[in-house]
Amino acid sequence: MSGTPPTSAVFTAAVTLKPAQPEYFDLAFTATTQPCPWPKAYGGDLVAQAAAAAMRSVTDGKSLHSMHSYFLRPADIGAEVRYEVEVVRDGRGYSTRQVRGYQNGKPLYVCLAGFAAGEAGAAFDAAFADDVPDPETLPSSAEYLAERDGGSMTKESKAYWSGGRSFDMRHVPGPVYLTVEGERLPHQAVWLRPFDPLRPVDGLTDAQRDLAALAYVCDYTILEPVLRVLDLPWARPGLVTASLDHAMWFHRPGPLGDWLLYVQEAVAADAGRGLGTGRFFTRDHRHLATVVQEGLIRPT
């Protein structure tokens, strides 16, 4: 593997948008999907880029509180995607945007995004998983994979899992890269944080960048509880997965400089699809966001 230290710059490059002339709706931006060792671009690129485009269209201080997305076609790697933003509604308390991503003249992604001004109200946090080991006691992906090989894993995929995803990820129980480590249980947790401090992103505040970062990183592991319970490691020869639809709610802000705990659970698997849920927590037990995603899971 490369001796270059891993960096979070892959993420910030992904969400750096360029204004473009709209063809269909009110505003448009372009962004480039980032390198990965698969036949198609990472789905989190599309979610985070659409989130950034939607946030750049809201100028009255409202914060992104939810996204509901569909993945329509695979995206080419290292290629430009045009995001068209429709200003659906602007109210005093809430605003709504529709974002469509286009590549090669065809729509490949669509979402609705909701924004809220915020107001005083009672607060509640979901329960934190107190029995999870601290991240400092767990191996990084690079440490776990250093002496391991097998299945369909290539030199490129090993490097990508180890350091190419912008975030250090530490699994509880162990990862599902080559084999399903631990019991075939329908749940897992992943500690994660950026490899280095997140850089500023043109057009976004630091708080908006951090919301985009949650949208970006959530897609890497959200289907893993389903793979775990089905005993399907990522490197199983012939395994095909793809994101189908995705929903995310942002409950409260939180900086991404320290470790976050991403608690995940498999909900269902049948007919070639699996549904997973996830919750992001800070180390002091604040519940930042909730994710639900359905994906194609095709062992061949």
Protein backbone atom coordinates (compact mmCIF):
# COMPACT_ATOMS: atom_id res chain seq x y z
CA MET A 1 0.00 0.00 0.00
CA SER A 2 1.02 3.60 -0.54
CA GLY A 3 3.15 5.28 2.11
CA THR A 4 1.22 8.54 1.69
CA PRO A 5 -0.63 9.39 4.94
CA PRO A 6 -4.42 9.12 4.58
CA THR A 7 -6.29 12.41 4.37
CA SER A 8 -9.83 13.76 4.54
CA ALA A 9 -9.20 15.83 1.40
CA VAL A 10 -11.06 13.23 -0.70
CA PHE A 11 -14.29 14.27 1.01
CA THR A 12 -13.74 18.03 0.76
CA ALA A 13 -12.83 17.67 -2.92
CA ALA A 14 -16.07 15.77 -3.49
CA VAL A 15 -18.27 18.51 -2.00
CA THR A 16 -16.49 21.44 -3.65
CA LEU A 17 -19.08 22.60 -6.17
CA LYS A 18 -18.82 24.93 -9.15
CA PRO A 19 -21.80 27.16 -10.06
CA ALA A 20 -23.25 26.35 -13.48
CA GLN A 21 -25.98 27.64 -15.74
CA PRO A 22 -29.26 25.88 -14.87
CA GLU A 23 -31.01 23.98 -17.65
CA TYR A 24 -34.12 22.74 -15.83
CA PHE A 25 -34.60 24.40 -12.44
CA ASP A 26 -33.53 27.48 -10.47
CA LEU A 27 -29.84 26.89 -9.66
CA ALA A 28 -27.17 24.49 -10.84
CA PHE A 29 -23.77 23.28 -9.68
CA THR A 30 -21.28 20.71 -10.89
CA ALA A 31 -19.13 18.35 -8.83
CA THR A 32 -16.77 15.47 -9.55
CA THR A 33 -17.09 11.95 -8.19
CA GLN A 34 -13.98 10.73 -6.40
CA PRO A 35 -11.74 7.72 -7.17
CA CYS A 36 -12.73 4.29 -5.88
CA PRO A 37 -11.79 0.75 -6.97
CA TRP A 38 -15.29 -0.34 -8.06
CA PRO A 39 -17.08 -0.10 -11.44
CA LYS A 40 -19.24 2.81 -10.20
CA ALA A 41 -18.79 5.91 -8.06
CA TYR A 42 -19.45 5.89 -4.32
CA GLY A 43 -23.08 6.71 -3.52
CA GLY A 44 -22.09 8.96 -0.63
CA ASP A 45 -20.51 11.32 -3.16
CA LEU A 46 -23.95 11.93 -4.66
CA VAL A 47 -25.73 12.40 -1.32
CA ALA A 48 -23.10 14.81 0.02
CA GLN A 49 -22.85 16.76 -3.23
CA ALA A 50 -26.63 17.12 -3.42
CA ALA A 51 -26.69 18.22 0.22
CA ALA A 52 -24.05 20.85 -0.54
CA ALA A 53 -26.01 22.07 -3.58
CA ALA A 54 -29.23 22.31 -1.59
CA MET A 55 -27.52 24.13 1.30
CA ARG A 56 -25.94 26.65 -1.08
CA SER A 57 -29.44 27.52 -2.32
CA VAL A 58 -30.73 28.48 1.15
CA THR A 59 -29.48 31.92 2.17
CA ASP A 60 -31.66 32.87 5.16
CA GLY A 61 -29.85 30.85 7.83
CA LYS A 62 -32.06 27.77 7.91
CA SER A 63 -30.27 24.48 8.56
CA LEU A 64 -30.64 21.18 6.71
CA HIS A 65 -32.81 18.85 8.78
CA SER A 66 -33.65 15.99 6.39
CA MET A 67 -32.93 14.43 3.00
CA HIS A 68 -34.85 11.75 1.11
CA SER A 69 -32.99 10.32 -1.87
CA TYR A 70 -33.28 7.83 -4.72
CA PHE A 71 -30.35 6.47 -6.71
CA LEU A 72 -31.53 6.04 -10.30
CA ARG A 73 -28.40 5.06 -12.23
CA PRO A 74 -24.74 4.33 -11.47
CA ALA A 75 -22.41 7.34 -11.65
CA ASP A 76 -19.13 7.30 -13.56
CA ILE A 77 -15.98 7.62 -11.46
CA GLY A 78 -13.94 10.81 -11.76
CA ALA A 79 -16.61 12.42 -13.91
CA GLU A 80 -18.68 15.55 -13.53
CA VAL A 81 -22.25 15.45 -12.20
CA ARG A 82 -24.61 18.40 -12.73
CA TYR A 83 -26.90 19.14 -9.79
CA GLU A 84 -30.03 21.15 -10.59
CA VAL A 85 -31.77 22.70 -7.56
CA GLU A 86 -35.46 23.57 -7.57
CA VAL A 87 -36.64 26.11 -4.98
CA VAL A 88 -39.87 24.32 -4.05
CA ARG A 89 -40.83 26.44 -1.06
CA ASP A 90 -39.46 29.13 1.26
CA GLY A 91 -41.44 29.81 4.43
CA ARG A 92 -40.60 31.56 7.67
CA GLY A 93 -39.90 28.33 9.55
CA TYR A 94 -39.17 25.76 6.85
CA SER A 95 -37.90 25.54 3.28
CA THR A 96 -37.86 22.71 0.74
CA ARG A 97 -35.55 21.97 -2.16
CA GLN A 98 -35.54 19.32 -4.87
CA VAL A 99 -32.14 18.33 -6.25
CA ARG A 100 -31.54 16.22 -9.35
CA GLY A 101 -28.16 14.94 -10.44
CA TYR A 102 -27.45 14.45 -14.16
CA GLN A 103 -24.58 12.70 -15.91
CA ASN A 104 -24.23 11.85 -19.59
CA GLY A 105 -27.52 13.64 -20.22
CA LYS A 106 -29.54 11.34 -17.92
CA PRO A 107 -30.80 11.75 -14.34
CA LEU A 108 -28.97 9.46 -11.92
CA TYR A 109 -29.98 10.83 -8.51
CA VAL A 110 -32.90 12.78 -7.02
CA CYS A 111 -33.68 14.02 -3.53
CA LEU A 112 -35.92 16.29 -1.52
CA ALA A 113 -34.18 18.29 1.21
CA GLY A 114 -35.86 20.08 4.11
CA PHE A 115 -34.49 23.11 6.00
CA ALA A 116 -35.60 24.51 9.36
CA ALA A 117 -35.11 27.85 11.08
CA GLY A 118 -35.21 26.16 14.50
CA GLU A 119 -37.17 27.11 17.58
CA ALA A 120 -37.28 26.49 21.31
CA GLY A 121 -38.56 23.06 22.35
CA ALA A 122 -38.01 20.01 24.53
CA ALA A 123 -35.02 17.78 23.77
CA PHE A 124 -34.48 14.02 23.78
CA ASP A 125 -31.55 11.78 22.79
CA ALA A 126 -31.72 8.10 21.87
CA ALA A 127 -29.81 5.79 24.19
CA PHE A 128 -26.06 5.58 23.65
CA ALA A 129 -24.40 2.16 23.36
CA ASP A 130 -22.39 2.21 26.60
CA ASP A 131 -20.87 -1.26 26.13
CA VAL A 132 -18.91 -0.33 22.97
CA PRO A 133 -15.10 -0.34 23.43
CA ASP A 134 -13.28 2.97 23.05
CA PRO A 135 -11.92 3.60 19.54
CA GLU A 136 -8.34 3.84 20.80
CA THR A 137 -8.53 0.16 21.80
CA LEU A 138 -9.63 -1.02 18.33
CA PRO A 139 -7.58 -1.59 15.17
CA SER A 140 -7.97 0.80 12.27
CA SER A 141 -8.96 -0.64 8.90
CA ALA A 142 -5.33 -0.32 7.79
CA GLU A 143 -4.09 -2.22 10.85
CA TYR A 144 -6.72 -4.91 10.42
CA LEU A 145 -5.94 -5.44 6.73
CA ALA A 146 -2.14 -5.13 6.96
CA GLU A 147 -1.48 -8.88 7.00
CA ARG A 148 -4.75 -10.10 5.50
CA ASP A 149 -5.71 -11.00 1.94
CA GLY A 150 -8.33 -13.09 0.21
CA GLY A 151 -11.53 -13.26 -1.76
CA SER A 152 -11.98 -10.60 -4.41
CA MET A 153 -9.81 -8.08 -2.55
CA THR A 154 -7.27 -6.35 -4.79
CA LYS A 155 -4.32 -4.13 -3.94
CA GLU A 156 -6.50 -1.15 -4.89
CA SER A 157 -9.48 -2.16 -2.76
CA LYS A 158 -7.22 -2.89 0.21
CA ALA A 159 -5.69 0.59 -0.06
CA TYR A 160 -9.14 2.16 -0.41
CA TRP A 161 -10.56 0.39 2.64
CA SER A 162 -7.43 1.27 4.60
CA GLY A 163 -7.07 4.97 3.83
CA GLY A 164 -8.95 6.14 0.75
CA ARG A 165 -12.31 7.03 2.30
CA SER A 166 -11.38 10.23 4.22
CA PHE A 167 -12.41 8.73 7.58
CA ASP A 168 -10.71 6.38 10.03
CA MET A 169 -13.25 3.60 10.74
CA ARG A 170 -13.05 1.09 13.59
CA HIS A 171 -15.61 -1.72 13.77
CA VAL A 172 -17.37 -3.40 16.70
CA PRO A 173 -17.30 -6.36 16.30
CA GLY A 174 -14.54 -6.68 13.68
CA PRO A 175 -14.99 -5.63 10.04
CA VAL A 176 -16.73 -7.57 7.27
CA TYR A 177 -14.06 -6.90 4.63
CA LEU A 178 -12.78 -10.46 4.09
CA THR A 179 -14.86 -12.56 6.48
CA VAL A 180 -17.67 -11.72 8.87
CA GLU A 181 -15.78 -11.15 12.11
CA GLY A 182 -17.75 -12.12 15.22
CA GLU A 183 -21.25 -13.53 15.39
CA ARG A 184 -23.80 -13.18 12.58
CA LEU A 185 -25.77 -10.61 14.53
CA PRO A 186 -27.98 -7.97 12.83
CA HIS A 187 -26.15 -5.04 14.37
CA GLN A 188 -22.74 -3.41 14.63
CA ALA A 189 -21.12 -0.12 15.59
CA VAL A 190 -18.40 1.87 13.82
CA TRP A 191 -16.25 4.56 15.40
CA LEU A 192 -15.23 7.15 12.82
CA ARG A 193 -13.47 10.48 12.51
CA PRO A 194 -11.66 12.34 9.69
CA PHE A 195 -8.06 11.31 9.09
CA ASP A 196 -7.08 14.95 9.54
CA PRO A 197 -9.02 18.18 10.25
CA LEU A 198 -11.65 18.91 7.61
CA ARG A 199 -10.61 21.70 5.27
CA PRO A 200 -12.83 24.70 4.47
CA VAL A 201 -15.18 24.19 1.51
CA ASP A 202 -16.02 27.09 -0.78
CA GLY A 203 -19.66 28.11 -0.49
CA LEU A 204 -20.31 26.24 2.78
CA THR A 205 -19.95 27.25 6.39
CA ASP A 206 -18.05 24.85 8.64
CA ALA A 207 -21.37 23.71 10.12
CA GLN A 208 -22.77 23.00 6.64
CA ARG A 209 -19.59 21.18 5.66
CA ASP A 210 -19.95 18.97 8.74
CA LEU A 211 -23.54 18.10 7.79
CA ALA A 212 -22.33 17.19 4.30
CA ALA A 213 -19.61 15.05 5.91
CA LEU A 214 -22.21 13.01 7.81
CA ALA A 215 -24.18 12.56 4.58
CA TYR A 216 -20.97 11.47 2.84
CA VAL A 217 -19.64 8.96 5.36
CA CYS A 218 -22.96 7.32 6.32
CA ASP A 219 -23.20 5.29 3.09
CA TYR A 220 -19.92 3.37 3.50
CA THR A 221 -21.13 0.97 6.18
CA ILE A 222 -24.93 1.30 6.48
CA LEU A 223 -25.56 -2.04 4.69
CA GLU A 224 -22.91 -3.90 6.67
CA PRO A 225 -25.29 -5.15 9.40
CA VAL A 226 -27.32 -6.80 6.62
CA LEU A 227 -24.15 -8.32 5.12
CA ARG A 228 -23.12 -9.45 8.61
CA VAL A 229 -26.34 -11.29 9.38
CA LEU A 230 -26.33 -12.89 5.90
CA ASP A 231 -22.64 -13.91 6.28
CA LEU A 232 -21.61 -11.93 3.18
CA PRO A 233 -18.22 -10.19 3.47
CA TRP A 234 -17.39 -7.41 1.00
CA ALA A 235 -14.67 -9.53 -0.64
CA ARG A 236 -16.97 -12.45 -1.40
CA PRO A 237 -16.42 -13.18 -5.12
CA GLY A 238 -19.40 -12.09 -7.21
CA LEU A 239 -21.10 -10.01 -4.49
CA VAL A 240 -22.89 -6.98 -5.97
CA THR A 241 -24.31 -4.17 -3.83
CA ALA A 242 -25.83 -0.82 -4.73
CA SER A 243 -27.71 1.94 -2.91
CA LEU A 244 -31.38 2.16 -3.89
CA ASP A 245 -32.86 4.80 -1.62
CA HIS A 246 -31.74 6.75 1.41
CA ALA A 247 -33.22 8.95 4.12
CA MET A 248 -31.38 11.02 6.69
CA TRP A 249 -32.46 13.30 9.52
CA PHE A 250 -30.09 15.81 11.13
CA HIS A 251 -31.22 16.35 14.74
CA ARG A 252 -28.58 18.72 16.10
CA PRO A 253 -25.21 20.14 15.06
CA GLY A 254 -21.92 18.70 16.19
CA PRO A 255 -18.32 19.20 15.05
CA LEU A 256 -16.56 16.31 13.36
CA GLY A 257 -13.13 16.75 14.91
CA ASP A 258 -13.51 13.93 17.45
CA TRP A 259 -14.71 10.35 17.22
CA LEU A 260 -18.35 9.69 16.41
CA LEU A 261 -20.11 6.39 17.09
CA TYR A 262 -22.26 5.11 14.22
CA VAL A 263 -24.64 2.48 15.67
CA GLN A 264 -26.24 0.35 12.96
CA GLU A 265 -28.88 -2.36 12.69
CA ALA A 266 -30.25 -4.62 9.96
CA VAL A 267 -34.03 -4.29 9.69
CA ALA A 268 -34.91 -6.64 6.82
CA ALA A 269 -33.43 -8.61 3.93
CA ASP A 270 -35.38 -10.32 1.17
CA ALA A 271 -35.86 -10.39 -2.60
CA GLY A 272 -32.33 -9.13 -3.24
CA ARG A 273 -32.71 -6.05 -1.04
CA GLY A 274 -31.64 -5.18 2.48
CA LEU A 275 -32.63 -2.34 4.82
CA GLY A 276 -30.33 -0.87 7.43
CA THR A 277 -30.63 1.90 10.00
CA GLY A 278 -27.96 3.96 11.71
CA ARG A 279 -27.54 6.60 14.40
CA PHE A 280 -24.60 8.98 14.86
CA PHE A 281 -23.54 9.87 18.42
CA THR A 282 -20.80 12.06 19.83
CA ARG A 283 -18.58 10.67 22.56
CA ASP A 284 -20.58 12.65 25.12
CA HIS A 285 -23.75 10.84 23.96
CA ARG A 286 -25.40 13.53 21.81
CA HIS A 287 -27.49 11.98 19.04
CA LEU A 288 -26.60 13.95 15.88
CA ALA A 289 -28.35 12.18 13.01
CA THR A 290 -30.35 9.11 11.94
CA VAL A 291 -30.04 7.21 8.65
CA VAL A 292 -32.22 4.63 6.88
CA GLN A 293 -31.08 3.04 3.63
CA GLU A 294 -32.23 0.24 1.36
CA GLY A 295 -29.73 -1.40 -0.94
CA LEU A 296 -29.42 -4.07 -3.57
CA ILE A 297 -27.61 -7.14 -2.21
CA ARG A 298 -26.90 -9.75 -4.88
CA PRO A 299 -24.60 -12.68 -4.01
CA THR A 300 -23.73 -14.50 -7.24
